[in-house]
């Protein structure tokens, strides 16, 4: 999960595509992945919990990002499957977190304790 988040941060669309489960790769492409990565600015990843069963591993996370002056979150419970010894993203259940408008003098949502205008603003 963390490596996929990092790949979005550095806009490595090939890595993201290659970490999809083989059954999912044909439904995605690097152009769409890169378009999303270029439209947002990722600022923080919170891993909420992880769990496993005999077939899958699950990671609930919140990926915090900025779009213009809004703090948004991608809150998901992701499901991973092992293929050829590597964990691959299969799918996930999305939650519907709110978008929060950020004022210039509000604290930056990245957790730096700086004002938004002096940090990511």
PDB file of N, CA and C in Angstrom:
ATOM      1  N   UNK A   1       0.830  -1.190   0.000  1.00  0.00           N
ATOM      2  CA  UNK A   1       0.000   0.000   0.000  1.00  0.00           C
ATOM      3  C   UNK A   1       0.871   1.248   0.000  1.00  0.00           C
ATOM      4  N   UNK A   2       1.848   1.269   0.883  1.00  0.00           N
ATOM      5  CA  UNK A   2       2.707   2.454   0.967  1.00  0.00           C
ATOM      6  C   UNK A   2       3.470   2.691  -0.337  1.00  0.00           C
ATOM      7  N   UNK A   3       3.883   1.623  -0.984  1.00  0.00           N
ATOM      8  CA  UNK A   3       4.623   1.814  -2.237  1.00  0.00           C
ATOM      9  C   UNK A   3       3.724   2.370  -3.338  1.00  0.00           C
ATOM     10  N   UNK A   4       2.462   1.975  -3.362  1.00  0.00           N
ATOM     11  CA  UNK A   4       1.534   2.532  -4.355  1.00  0.00           C
ATOM     12  C   UNK A   4       1.288   4.011  -4.076  1.00  0.00           C
ATOM     13  N   UNK A   5       1.128   4.361  -2.791  1.00  0.00           N
ATOM     14  CA  UNK A   5       0.951   5.768  -2.424  1.00  0.00           C
ATOM     15  C   UNK A   5       2.170   6.575  -2.878  1.00  0.00           C
ATOM     16  N   UNK A   6       3.364   6.069  -2.576  1.00  0.00           N
ATOM     17  CA  UNK A   6       4.596   6.768  -2.974  1.00  0.00           C
ATOM     18  C   UNK A   6       4.673   6.922  -4.485  1.00  0.00           C
ATOM     19  N   UNK A   7       4.248   5.901  -5.213  1.00  0.00           N
ATOM     20  CA  UNK A   7       4.261   5.975  -6.677  1.00  0.00           C
ATOM     21  C   UNK A   7       3.318   7.063  -7.184  1.00  0.00           C
ATOM     22  N   UNK A   8       2.161   7.218  -6.545  1.00  0.00           N
ATOM     23  CA  UNK A   8       1.272   8.324  -6.916  1.00  0.00           C
ATOM     24  C   UNK A   8       1.943   9.664  -6.627  1.00  0.00           C
ATOM     25  N   UNK A   9       2.637   9.768  -5.502  1.00  0.00           N
ATOM     26  CA  UNK A   9       3.307  11.024  -5.135  1.00  0.00           C
ATOM     27  C   UNK A   9       4.348  11.439  -6.168  1.00  0.00           C
ATOM     28  N   UNK A  10       5.094  10.464  -6.679  1.00  0.00           N
ATOM     29  CA  UNK A  10       6.141  10.786  -7.655  1.00  0.00           C
ATOM     30  C   UNK A  10       5.675  10.577  -9.098  1.00  0.00           C
ATOM     31  N   UNK A  11       4.390  10.269  -9.243  1.00  0.00           N
ATOM     32  CA  UNK A  11       3.743  10.133 -10.550  1.00  0.00           C
ATOM     33  C   UNK A  11       4.357   9.016 -11.404  1.00  0.00           C
ATOM     34  N   UNK A  12       4.582   7.864 -10.765  1.00  0.00           N
ATOM     35  CA  UNK A  12       5.120   6.698 -11.454  1.00  0.00           C
ATOM     36  C   UNK A  12       3.955   5.789 -11.865  1.00  0.00           C
ATOM     37  N   UNK A  13       3.323   6.149 -12.966  1.00  0.00           N
ATOM     38  CA  UNK A  13       2.125   5.447 -13.428  1.00  0.00           C
ATOM     39  C   UNK A  13       2.418   3.996 -13.820  1.00  0.00           C
ATOM     40  N   UNK A  14       3.586   3.712 -14.348  1.00  0.00           N
ATOM     41  CA  UNK A  14       3.919   2.324 -14.714  1.00  0.00           C
ATOM     42  C   UNK A  14       3.949   1.432 -13.490  1.00  0.00           C
ATOM     43  N   UNK A  15       4.523   1.915 -12.393  1.00  0.00           N
ATOM     44  CA  UNK A  15       4.561   1.118 -11.166  1.00  0.00           C
ATOM     45  C   UNK A  15       3.149   0.838 -10.663  1.00  0.00           C
ATOM     46  N   UNK A  16       2.318   1.871 -10.659  1.00  0.00           N
ATOM     47  CA  UNK A  16       0.943   1.701 -10.179  1.00  0.00           C
ATOM     48  C   UNK A  16       0.206   0.670 -11.036  1.00  0.00           C
ATOM     49  N   UNK A  17       0.331   0.783 -12.340  1.00  0.00           N
ATOM     50  CA  UNK A  17      -0.317  -0.179 -13.230  1.00  0.00           C
ATOM     51  C   UNK A  17       0.198  -1.596 -12.969  1.00  0.00           C
ATOM     52  N   UNK A  18       1.497  -1.741 -12.780  1.00  0.00           N
ATOM     53  CA  UNK A  18       2.091  -3.066 -12.567  1.00  0.00           C
ATOM     54  C   UNK A  18       1.750  -3.664 -11.212  1.00  0.00           C
ATOM     55  N   UNK A  19       1.277  -2.857 -10.263  1.00  0.00           N
ATOM     56  CA  UNK A  19       0.903  -3.396  -8.949  1.00  0.00           C
ATOM     57  C   UNK A  19      -0.587  -3.694  -8.845  1.00  0.00           C
ATOM     58  N   UNK A  20      -1.323  -3.528  -9.927  1.00  0.00           N
ATOM     59  CA  UNK A  20      -2.693  -4.040  -9.989  1.00  0.00           C
ATOM     60  C   UNK A  20      -2.626  -5.551 -10.202  1.00  0.00           C
ATOM     61  N   UNK A  21      -3.586  -6.276  -9.660  1.00  0.00           N
ATOM     62  CA  UNK A  21      -3.703  -7.703  -9.945  1.00  0.00           C
ATOM     63  C   UNK A  21      -3.866  -7.883 -11.452  1.00  0.00           C
ATOM     64  N   UNK A  22      -3.361  -8.975 -11.969  1.00  0.00           N
ATOM     65  CA  UNK A  22      -3.395  -9.192 -13.427  1.00  0.00           C
ATOM     66  C   UNK A  22      -4.813  -9.102 -13.984  1.00  0.00           C
ATOM     67  N   UNK A  23      -5.804  -9.539 -13.222  1.00  0.00           N
ATOM     68  CA  UNK A  23      -7.198  -9.468 -13.689  1.00  0.00           C
ATOM     69  C   UNK A  23      -7.710  -8.035 -13.775  1.00  0.00           C
ATOM     70  N   UNK A  24      -7.046  -7.103 -13.125  1.00  0.00           N
ATOM     71  CA  UNK A  24      -7.483  -5.705 -13.104  1.00  0.00           C
ATOM     72  C   UNK A  24      -6.699  -4.807 -14.050  1.00  0.00           C
ATOM     73  N   UNK A  25      -5.544  -5.231 -14.477  1.00  0.00           N
ATOM     74  CA  UNK A  25      -4.666  -4.361 -15.266  1.00  0.00           C
ATOM     75  C   UNK A  25      -5.295  -3.887 -16.571  1.00  0.00           C
ATOM     76  N   UNK A  26      -6.085  -4.734 -17.213  1.00  0.00           N
ATOM     77  CA  UNK A  26      -6.676  -4.353 -18.506  1.00  0.00           C
ATOM     78  C   UNK A  26      -7.732  -3.252 -18.358  1.00  0.00           C
ATOM     79  N   UNK A  27      -8.214  -3.015 -17.132  1.00  0.00           N
ATOM     80  CA  UNK A  27      -9.229  -1.982 -16.905  1.00  0.00           C
ATOM     81  C   UNK A  27      -8.612  -0.625 -16.568  1.00  0.00           C
ATOM     82  N   UNK A  28      -7.290  -0.540 -16.541  1.00  0.00           N
ATOM     83  CA  UNK A  28      -6.596   0.695 -16.178  1.00  0.00           C
ATOM     84  C   UNK A  28      -5.519   0.983 -17.207  1.00  0.00           C
ATOM     85  N   UNK A  29      -5.095   2.234 -17.261  1.00  0.00           N
ATOM     86  CA  UNK A  29      -3.994   2.585 -18.155  1.00  0.00           C
ATOM     87  C   UNK A  29      -3.178   3.712 -17.534  1.00  0.00           C
ATOM     88  N   UNK A  30      -1.946   3.837 -17.988  1.00  0.00           N
ATOM     89  CA  UNK A  30      -1.039   4.828 -17.402  1.00  0.00           C
ATOM     90  C   UNK A  30      -1.506   6.259 -17.655  1.00  0.00           C
ATOM     91  N   UNK A  31      -2.202   6.500 -18.742  1.00  0.00           N
ATOM     92  CA  UNK A  31      -2.687   7.855 -19.038  1.00  0.00           C
ATOM     93  C   UNK A  31      -3.674   8.319 -17.973  1.00  0.00           C
ATOM     94  N   UNK A  32      -4.646   7.480 -17.640  1.00  0.00           N
ATOM     95  CA  UNK A  32      -5.638   7.842 -16.617  1.00  0.00           C
ATOM     96  C   UNK A  32      -4.999   7.957 -15.236  1.00  0.00           C
ATOM     97  N   UNK A  33      -4.091   7.049 -14.927  1.00  0.00           N
ATOM     98  CA  UNK A  33      -3.406   7.092 -13.639  1.00  0.00           C
ATOM     99  C   UNK A  33      -2.616   8.390 -13.512  1.00  0.00           C
ATOM    100  N   UNK A  34      -1.875   8.727 -14.547  1.00  0.00           N
ATOM    101  CA  UNK A  34      -1.066   9.947 -14.533  1.00  0.00           C
ATOM    102  C   UNK A  34      -1.930  11.203 -14.493  1.00  0.00           C
ATOM    103  N   UNK A  35      -3.062  11.187 -15.155  1.00  0.00           N
ATOM    104  CA  UNK A  35      -3.958  12.344 -15.129  1.00  0.00           C
ATOM    105  C   UNK A  35      -4.414  12.631 -13.699  1.00  0.00           C
ATOM    106  N   UNK A  36      -4.831  11.596 -12.967  1.00  0.00           N
ATOM    107  CA  UNK A  36      -5.240  11.780 -11.579  1.00  0.00           C
ATOM    108  C   UNK A  36      -4.070  12.267 -10.728  1.00  0.00           C
ATOM    109  N   UNK A  37      -2.910  11.637 -10.878  1.00  0.00           N
ATOM    110  CA  UNK A  37      -1.742  12.018 -10.079  1.00  0.00           C
ATOM    111  C   UNK A  37      -1.334  13.471 -10.333  1.00  0.00           C
ATOM    112  N   UNK A  38      -1.525  13.949 -11.551  1.00  0.00           N
ATOM    113  CA  UNK A  38      -1.166  15.341 -11.882  1.00  0.00           C
ATOM    114  C   UNK A  38      -2.194  16.352 -11.396  1.00  0.00           C
ATOM    115  N   UNK A  39      -3.432  15.916 -11.166  1.00  0.00           N
ATOM    116  CA  UNK A  39      -4.491  16.832 -10.746  1.00  0.00           C
ATOM    117  C   UNK A  39      -4.492  17.108  -9.249  1.00  0.00           C
ATOM    118  N   UNK A  40      -3.832  16.263  -8.471  1.00  0.00           N
ATOM    119  CA  UNK A  40      -3.864  16.390  -7.017  1.00  0.00           C
ATOM    120  C   UNK A  40      -2.454  16.505  -6.465  1.00  0.00           C
ATOM    121  N   UNK A  41      -2.382  16.915  -5.205  1.00  0.00           N
ATOM    122  CA  UNK A  41      -1.113  16.976  -4.494  1.00  0.00           C
ATOM    123  C   UNK A  41      -1.261  16.152  -3.221  1.00  0.00           C
ATOM    124  N   UNK A  42      -0.638  14.977  -3.199  1.00  0.00           N
ATOM    125  CA  UNK A  42      -0.737  14.106  -2.032  1.00  0.00           C
ATOM    126  C   UNK A  42       0.094  14.670  -0.887  1.00  0.00           C
ATOM    127  N   UNK A  43      -0.477  14.619   0.334  1.00  0.00           N
ATOM    128  CA  UNK A  43       0.222  15.209   1.472  1.00  0.00           C
ATOM    129  C   UNK A  43       0.436  14.260   2.636  1.00  0.00           C
ATOM    130  N   UNK A  44      -0.333  13.178   2.714  1.00  0.00           N
ATOM    131  CA  UNK A  44      -0.203  12.304   3.882  1.00  0.00           C
ATOM    132  C   UNK A  44      -0.940  10.994   3.636  1.00  0.00           C
ATOM    133  N   UNK A  45      -0.395   9.916   4.234  1.00  0.00           N
ATOM    134  CA  UNK A  45      -1.039   8.608   4.191  1.00  0.00           C
ATOM    135  C   UNK A  45      -1.217   8.120   5.618  1.00  0.00           C
ATOM    136  N   UNK A  46      -2.440   7.741   5.965  1.00  0.00           N
ATOM    137  CA  UNK A  46      -2.739   7.125   7.260  1.00  0.00           C
ATOM    138  C   UNK A  46      -3.192   5.697   7.010  1.00  0.00           C
ATOM    139  N   UNK A  47      -2.442   4.731   7.519  1.00  0.00           N
ATOM    140  CA  UNK A  47      -2.878   3.338   7.468  1.00  0.00           C
ATOM    141  C   UNK A  47      -3.677   3.090   8.737  1.00  0.00           C
ATOM    142  N   UNK A  48      -4.954   2.785   8.591  1.00  0.00           N
ATOM    143  CA  UNK A  48      -5.873   2.630   9.719  1.00  0.00           C
ATOM    144  C   UNK A  48      -5.740   1.236  10.330  1.00  0.00           C
ATOM    145  N   UNK A  49      -5.836   0.217   9.487  1.00  0.00           N
ATOM    146  CA  UNK A  49      -5.695  -1.150   9.993  1.00  0.00           C
ATOM    147  C   UNK A  49      -5.396  -2.094   8.843  1.00  0.00           C
ATOM    148  N   UNK A  50      -4.867  -3.261   9.214  1.00  0.00           N
ATOM    149  CA  UNK A  50      -4.592  -4.313   8.243  1.00  0.00           C
ATOM    150  C   UNK A  50      -5.157  -5.624   8.781  1.00  0.00           C
ATOM    151  N   UNK A  51      -5.469  -6.522   7.879  1.00  0.00           N
ATOM    152  CA  UNK A  51      -5.933  -7.852   8.278  1.00  0.00           C
ATOM    153  C   UNK A  51      -5.669  -8.825   7.130  1.00  0.00           C
ATOM    154  N   UNK A  52      -5.706 -10.104   7.448  1.00  0.00           N
ATOM    155  CA  UNK A  52      -5.435 -11.154   6.463  1.00  0.00           C
ATOM    156  C   UNK A  52      -6.412 -12.305   6.652  1.00  0.00           C
ATOM    157  N   UNK A  53      -6.620 -13.032   5.580  1.00  0.00           N
ATOM    158  CA  UNK A  53      -7.263 -14.350   5.665  1.00  0.00           C
ATOM    159  C   UNK A  53      -6.483 -15.279   4.736  1.00  0.00           C
ATOM    160  N   UNK A  54      -6.989 -16.441   4.456  1.00  0.00           N
ATOM    161  CA  UNK A  54      -6.248 -17.407   3.640  1.00  0.00           C
ATOM    162  C   UNK A  54      -6.025 -16.947   2.199  1.00  0.00           C
ATOM    163  N   UNK A  55      -6.880 -16.064   1.690  1.00  0.00           N
ATOM    164  CA  UNK A  55      -6.800 -15.657   0.288  1.00  0.00           C
ATOM    165  C   UNK A  55      -6.301 -14.237   0.065  1.00  0.00           C
ATOM    166  N   UNK A  56      -6.632 -13.327   0.981  1.00  0.00           N
ATOM    167  CA  UNK A  56      -6.393 -11.908   0.737  1.00  0.00           C
ATOM    168  C   UNK A  56      -5.766 -11.228   1.952  1.00  0.00           C
ATOM    169  N   UNK A  57      -5.178 -10.068   1.676  1.00  0.00           N
ATOM    170  CA  UNK A  57      -4.779  -9.140   2.727  1.00  0.00           C
ATOM    171  C   UNK A  57      -5.557  -7.854   2.503  1.00  0.00           C
ATOM    172  N   UNK A  58      -5.911  -7.203   3.598  1.00  0.00           N
ATOM    173  CA  UNK A  58      -6.712  -5.978   3.542  1.00  0.00           C
ATOM    174  C   UNK A  58      -5.952  -4.847   4.213  1.00  0.00           C
ATOM    175  N   UNK A  59      -6.062  -3.664   3.635  1.00  0.00           N
ATOM    176  CA  UNK A  59      -5.464  -2.466   4.216  1.00  0.00           C
ATOM    177  C   UNK A  59      -6.509  -1.357   4.155  1.00  0.00           C
ATOM    178  N   UNK A  60      -6.919  -0.870   5.328  1.00  0.00           N
ATOM    179  CA  UNK A  60      -7.775   0.317   5.360  1.00  0.00           C
ATOM    180  C   UNK A  60      -6.858   1.508   5.523  1.00  0.00           C
ATOM    181  N   UNK A  61      -7.033   2.505   4.659  1.00  0.00           N
ATOM    182  CA  UNK A  61      -6.157   3.675   4.678  1.00  0.00           C
ATOM    183  C   UNK A  61      -6.928   4.937   4.317  1.00  0.00           C
ATOM    184  N   UNK A  62      -6.289   6.061   4.618  1.00  0.00           N
ATOM    185  CA  UNK A  62      -6.742   7.366   4.152  1.00  0.00           C
ATOM    186  C   UNK A  62      -5.560   8.040   3.473  1.00  0.00           C
ATOM    187  N   UNK A  63      -5.694   8.317   2.189  1.00  0.00           N
ATOM    188  CA  UNK A  63      -4.686   9.079   1.450  1.00  0.00           C
ATOM    189  C   UNK A  63      -5.202  10.511   1.371  1.00  0.00           C
ATOM    190  N   UNK A  64      -4.511  11.410   2.025  1.00  0.00           N
ATOM    191  CA  UNK A  64      -4.909  12.818   2.057  1.00  0.00           C
ATOM    192  C   UNK A  64      -4.265  13.529   0.874  1.00  0.00           C
ATOM    193  N   UNK A  65      -5.052  14.364   0.208  1.00  0.00           N
ATOM    194  CA  UNK A  65      -4.513  15.127  -0.907  1.00  0.00           C
ATOM    195  C   UNK A  65      -5.232  16.465  -1.018  1.00  0.00           C
ATOM    196  N   UNK A  66      -4.595  17.374  -1.750  1.00  0.00           N
ATOM    197  CA  UNK A  66      -5.153  18.704  -1.974  1.00  0.00           C
ATOM    198  C   UNK A  66      -5.536  18.846  -3.437  1.00  0.00           C
ATOM    199  N   UNK A  67      -6.678  19.478  -3.646  1.00  0.00           N
ATOM    200  CA  UNK A  67      -7.120  19.886  -4.977  1.00  0.00           C
ATOM    201  C   UNK A  67      -7.532  21.335  -4.820  1.00  0.00           C
ATOM    202  N   UNK A  68      -6.752  22.227  -5.454  1.00  0.00           N
ATOM    203  CA  UNK A  68      -6.949  23.668  -5.283  1.00  0.00           C
ATOM    204  C   UNK A  68      -6.912  23.998  -3.799  1.00  0.00           C
ATOM    205  N   UNK A  69      -7.971  24.508  -3.221  1.00  0.00           N
ATOM    206  CA  UNK A  69      -7.956  24.867  -1.797  1.00  0.00           C
ATOM    207  C   UNK A  69      -8.828  23.923  -0.964  1.00  0.00           C
ATOM    208  N   UNK A  70      -8.923  22.660  -1.411  1.00  0.00           N
ATOM    209  CA  UNK A  70      -9.735  21.675  -0.694  1.00  0.00           C
ATOM    210  C   UNK A  70      -8.853  20.533  -0.205  1.00  0.00           C
ATOM    211  N   UNK A  71      -9.092  20.121   1.038  1.00  0.00           N
ATOM    212  CA  UNK A  71      -8.442  18.935   1.608  1.00  0.00           C
ATOM    213  C   UNK A  71      -9.382  17.761   1.358  1.00  0.00           C
ATOM    214  N   UNK A  72      -8.918  16.771   0.617  1.00  0.00           N
ATOM    215  CA  UNK A  72      -9.716  15.602   0.267  1.00  0.00           C
ATOM    216  C   UNK A  72      -9.033  14.349   0.794  1.00  0.00           C
ATOM    217  N   UNK A  73      -9.811  13.290   0.892  1.00  0.00           N
ATOM    218  CA  UNK A  73      -9.275  12.011   1.340  1.00  0.00           C
ATOM    219  C   UNK A  73      -9.804  10.897   0.451  1.00  0.00           C
ATOM    220  N   UNK A  74      -8.919   9.990   0.140  1.00  0.00           N
ATOM    221  CA  UNK A  74      -9.326   8.739  -0.465  1.00  0.00           C
ATOM    222  C   UNK A  74      -9.292   7.738   0.672  1.00  0.00           C
ATOM    223  N   UNK A  75     -10.478   7.389   1.198  1.00  0.00           N
ATOM    224  CA  UNK A  75     -10.591   6.459   2.334  1.00  0.00           C
ATOM    225  C   UNK A  75     -11.101   5.152   1.772  1.00  0.00           C
ATOM    226  N   UNK A  76     -10.291   4.119   1.905  1.00  0.00           N
ATOM    227  CA  UNK A  76     -10.617   2.857   1.251  1.00  0.00           C
ATOM    228  C   UNK A  76     -10.177   1.679   2.115  1.00  0.00           C
ATOM    229  N   UNK A  77     -10.904   0.595   2.002  1.00  0.00           N
ATOM    230  CA  UNK A  77     -10.470  -0.686   2.537  1.00  0.00           C
ATOM    231  C   UNK A  77     -10.071  -1.523   1.318  1.00  0.00           C
ATOM    232  N   UNK A  78      -8.768  -1.609   1.070  1.00  0.00           N
ATOM    233  CA  UNK A  78      -8.245  -2.261  -0.133  1.00  0.00           C
ATOM    234  C   UNK A  78      -8.055  -3.754   0.085  1.00  0.00           C
ATOM    235  N   UNK A  79      -8.197  -4.493  -1.005  1.00  0.00           N
ATOM    236  CA  UNK A  79      -7.985  -5.935  -0.962  1.00  0.00           C
ATOM    237  C   UNK A  79      -6.819  -6.273  -1.890  1.00  0.00           C
ATOM    238  N   UNK A  80      -5.859  -6.995  -1.346  1.00  0.00           N
ATOM    239  CA  UNK A  80      -4.675  -7.398  -2.090  1.00  0.00           C
ATOM    240  C   UNK A  80      -4.633  -8.916  -2.210  1.00  0.00           C
ATOM    241  N   UNK A  81      -4.086  -9.387  -3.320  1.00  0.00           N
ATOM    242  CA  UNK A  81      -3.934 -10.813  -3.570  1.00  0.00           C
ATOM    243  C   UNK A  81      -2.471 -11.060  -3.951  1.00  0.00           C
ATOM    244  N   UNK A  82      -1.975 -12.218  -3.586  1.00  0.00           N
ATOM    245  CA  UNK A  82      -0.591 -12.540  -3.919  1.00  0.00           C
ATOM    246  C   UNK A  82      -0.530 -13.233  -5.270  1.00  0.00           C
ATOM    247  N   UNK A  83       0.349 -12.711  -6.150  1.00  0.00           N
ATOM    248  CA  UNK A  83       0.583 -13.284  -7.470  1.00  0.00           C
ATOM    249  C   UNK A  83       2.090 -13.408  -7.671  1.00  0.00           C
ATOM    250  N   UNK A  84       2.546 -14.594  -7.935  1.00  0.00           N
ATOM    251  CA  UNK A  84       3.979 -14.840  -8.170  1.00  0.00           C
ATOM    252  C   UNK A  84       4.836 -14.290  -7.029  1.00  0.00           C
ATOM    253  N   UNK A  85       4.355 -14.426  -5.815  1.00  0.00           N
ATOM    254  CA  UNK A  85       5.108 -13.997  -4.649  1.00  0.00           C
ATOM    255  C   UNK A  85       5.030 -12.510  -4.341  1.00  0.00           C
ATOM    256  N   UNK A  86       4.260 -11.749  -5.116  1.00  0.00           N
ATOM    257  CA  UNK A  86       4.125 -10.306  -4.907  1.00  0.00           C
ATOM    258  C   UNK A  86       2.680  -9.963  -4.571  1.00  0.00           C
ATOM    259  N   UNK A  87       2.490  -8.989  -3.677  1.00  0.00           N
ATOM    260  CA  UNK A  87       1.141  -8.533  -3.344  1.00  0.00           C
ATOM    261  C   UNK A  87       0.679  -7.538  -4.387  1.00  0.00           C
ATOM    262  N   UNK A  88      -0.510  -7.769  -4.932  1.00  0.00           N
ATOM    263  CA  UNK A  88      -1.087  -6.923  -5.977  1.00  0.00           C
ATOM    264  C   UNK A  88      -2.450  -6.407  -5.527  1.00  0.00           C
ATOM    265  N   UNK A  89      -2.750  -5.163  -5.906  1.00  0.00           N
ATOM    266  CA  UNK A  89      -4.032  -4.534  -5.572  1.00  0.00           C
ATOM    267  C   UNK A  89      -5.134  -5.158  -6.424  1.00  0.00           C
ATOM    268  N   UNK A  90      -6.156  -5.673  -5.754  1.00  0.00           N
ATOM    269  CA  UNK A  90      -7.274  -6.299  -6.462  1.00  0.00           C
ATOM    270  C   UNK A  90      -8.446  -5.336  -6.583  1.00  0.00           C
ATOM    271  N   UNK A  91      -8.941  -4.849  -5.461  1.00  0.00           N
ATOM    272  CA  UNK A  91     -10.062  -3.915  -5.460  1.00  0.00           C
ATOM    273  C   UNK A  91     -10.196  -3.327  -4.064  1.00  0.00           C
ATOM    274  N   UNK A  92     -11.229  -2.529  -3.874  1.00  0.00           N
ATOM    275  CA  UNK A  92     -11.416  -1.934  -2.565  1.00  0.00           C
ATOM    276  C   UNK A  92     -12.807  -1.375  -2.372  1.00  0.00           C
ATOM    277  N   UNK A  93     -13.144  -1.197  -1.107  1.00  0.00           N
ATOM    278  CA  UNK A  93     -14.413  -0.579  -0.719  1.00  0.00           C
ATOM    279  C   UNK A  93     -14.126   0.870  -0.338  1.00  0.00           C
ATOM    280  N   UNK A  94     -14.739   1.801  -1.065  1.00  0.00           N
ATOM    281  CA  UNK A  94     -14.520   3.226  -0.807  1.00  0.00           C
ATOM    282  C   UNK A  94     -15.503   3.755   0.226  1.00  0.00           C
ATOM    283  N   UNK A  95     -15.016   4.627   1.083  1.00  0.00           N
ATOM    284  CA  UNK A  95     -15.850   5.360   2.026  1.00  0.00           C
ATOM    285  C   UNK A  95     -16.039   6.765   1.457  1.00  0.00           C
ATOM    286  N   UNK A  96     -16.990   7.505   1.954  1.00  0.00           N
ATOM    287  CA  UNK A  96     -17.305   8.821   1.404  1.00  0.00           C
ATOM    288  C   UNK A  96     -16.940   9.929   2.392  1.00  0.00           C
ATOM    289  N   UNK A  97     -15.644  10.268   2.483  1.00  0.00           N
ATOM    290  CA  UNK A  97     -15.244  11.330   3.408  1.00  0.00           C
ATOM    291  C   UNK A  97     -15.554  12.712   2.827  1.00  0.00           C
ATOM    292  N   UNK A  98     -15.680  13.711   3.670  1.00  0.00           N
ATOM    293  CA  UNK A  98     -16.005  15.054   3.184  1.00  0.00           C
ATOM    294  C   UNK A  98     -14.787  15.744   2.566  1.00  0.00           C
ATOM    295  N   UNK A  99     -15.056  16.698   1.667  1.00  0.00           N
ATOM    296  CA  UNK A  99     -14.022  17.620   1.196  1.00  0.00           C
ATOM    297  C   UNK A  99     -14.078  18.832   2.105  1.00  0.00           C
ATOM    298  N   UNK A 100     -12.932  19.320   2.530  1.00  0.00           N
ATOM    299  CA  UNK A 100     -12.880  20.446   3.457  1.00  0.00           C
ATOM    300  C   UNK A 100     -12.146  21.598   2.799  1.00  0.00           C
ATOM    301  N   UNK A 101     -12.819  22.736   2.678  1.00  0.00           N
ATOM    302  CA  UNK A 101     -12.181  23.924   2.130  1.00  0.00           C
ATOM    303  C   UNK A 101     -11.186  24.452   3.161  1.00  0.00           C
ATOM    304  N   UNK A 102      -9.996  24.791   2.691  1.00  0.00           N
ATOM    305  CA  UNK A 102      -8.935  25.254   3.579  1.00  0.00           C
ATOM    306  C   UNK A 102      -8.721  26.749   3.370  1.00  0.00           C
ATOM    307  N   UNK A 103      -8.747  27.502   4.458  1.00  0.00           N
ATOM    308  CA  UNK A 103      -8.419  28.923   4.413  1.00  0.00           C
ATOM    309  C   UNK A 103      -6.909  29.119   4.453  1.00  0.00           C
ATOM    310  N   UNK A 104      -6.432  30.214   3.923  1.00  0.00           N
ATOM    311  CA  UNK A 104      -4.997  30.482   3.872  1.00  0.00           C
ATOM    312  C   UNK A 104      -4.344  30.454   5.250  1.00  0.00           C
ATOM    313  N   UNK A 105      -5.084  30.883   6.279  1.00  0.00           N
ATOM    314  CA  UNK A 105      -4.522  30.948   7.623  1.00  0.00           C
ATOM    315  C   UNK A 105      -4.845  29.715   8.479  1.00  0.00           C
ATOM    316  N   UNK A 106      -5.536  28.733   7.913  1.00  0.00           N
ATOM    317  CA  UNK A 106      -5.792  27.481   8.632  1.00  0.00           C
ATOM    318  C   UNK A 106      -4.502  26.674   8.717  1.00  0.00           C
ATOM    319  N   UNK A 107      -4.449  25.772   9.688  1.00  0.00           N
ATOM    320  CA  UNK A 107      -3.306  24.872   9.758  1.00  0.00           C
ATOM    321  C   UNK A 107      -3.318  23.943   8.553  1.00  0.00           C
ATOM    322  N   UNK A 108      -2.134  23.660   8.030  1.00  0.00           N
ATOM    323  CA  UNK A 108      -2.020  22.782   6.870  1.00  0.00           C
ATOM    324  C   UNK A 108      -2.422  21.365   7.275  1.00  0.00           C
ATOM    325  N   UNK A 109      -3.234  20.692   6.479  1.00  0.00           N
ATOM    326  CA  UNK A 109      -3.681  19.337   6.820  1.00  0.00           C
ATOM    327  C   UNK A 109      -2.576  18.283   6.733  1.00  0.00           C
ATOM    328  N   UNK A 110      -1.382  18.648   6.282  1.00  0.00           N
ATOM    329  CA  UNK A 110      -0.299  17.662   6.204  1.00  0.00           C
ATOM    330  C   UNK A 110       0.271  17.340   7.574  1.00  0.00           C
ATOM    331  N   UNK A 111      -0.069  18.161   8.589  1.00  0.00           N
ATOM    332  CA  UNK A 111       0.401  17.904   9.940  1.00  0.00           C
ATOM    333  C   UNK A 111       1.670  18.648  10.306  1.00  0.00           C
ATOM    334  N   UNK A 112       2.089  19.595   9.494  1.00  0.00           N
ATOM    335  CA  UNK A 112       3.337  20.319   9.746  1.00  0.00           C
ATOM    336  C   UNK A 112       3.237  21.360  10.858  1.00  0.00           C
ATOM    337  N   UNK A 113       2.019  21.710  11.269  1.00  0.00           N
ATOM    338  CA  UNK A 113       1.747  22.776  12.244  1.00  0.00           C
ATOM    339  C   UNK A 113       2.013  24.174  11.683  1.00  0.00           C
ATOM    340  N   UNK A 114       2.204  24.269  10.377  1.00  0.00           N
ATOM    341  CA  UNK A 114       2.363  25.572   9.722  1.00  0.00           C
ATOM    342  C   UNK A 114       1.016  25.998   9.149  1.00  0.00           C
ATOM    343  N   UNK A 115       0.890  27.302   8.905  1.00  0.00           N
ATOM    344  CA  UNK A 115      -0.297  27.783   8.200  1.00  0.00           C
ATOM    345  C   UNK A 115      -0.270  27.250   6.770  1.00  0.00           C
ATOM    346  N   UNK A 116      -1.469  26.997   6.246  1.00  0.00           N
ATOM    347  CA  UNK A 116      -1.602  26.439   4.895  1.00  0.00           C
ATOM    348  C   UNK A 116      -0.846  27.287   3.874  1.00  0.00           C
ATOM    349  N   UNK A 117      -0.954  28.624   3.993  1.00  0.00           N
ATOM    350  CA  UNK A 117      -0.324  29.511   3.006  1.00  0.00           C
ATOM    351  C   UNK A 117       1.201  29.408   3.028  1.00  0.00           C
ATOM    352  N   UNK A 118       1.778  28.996   4.158  1.00  0.00           N
ATOM    353  CA  UNK A 118       3.239  28.878   4.275  1.00  0.00           C
ATOM    354  C   UNK A 118       3.736  27.455   4.004  1.00  0.00           C
ATOM    355  N   UNK A 119       2.813  26.537   3.799  1.00  0.00           N
ATOM    356  CA  UNK A 119       3.193  25.130   3.634  1.00  0.00           C
ATOM    357  C   UNK A 119       2.812  24.642   2.230  1.00  0.00           C
ATOM    358  N   UNK A 120       1.597  24.162   2.051  1.00  0.00           N
ATOM    359  CA  UNK A 120       1.156  23.619   0.761  1.00  0.00           C
ATOM    360  C   UNK A 120       0.274  24.587  -0.021  1.00  0.00           C
ATOM    361  N   UNK A 121      -0.001  25.752   0.523  1.00  0.00           N
ATOM    362  CA  UNK A 121      -0.924  26.700  -0.100  1.00  0.00           C
ATOM    363  C   UNK A 121      -0.373  27.436  -1.279  1.00  0.00           C
TER     364      UNK A 121
END
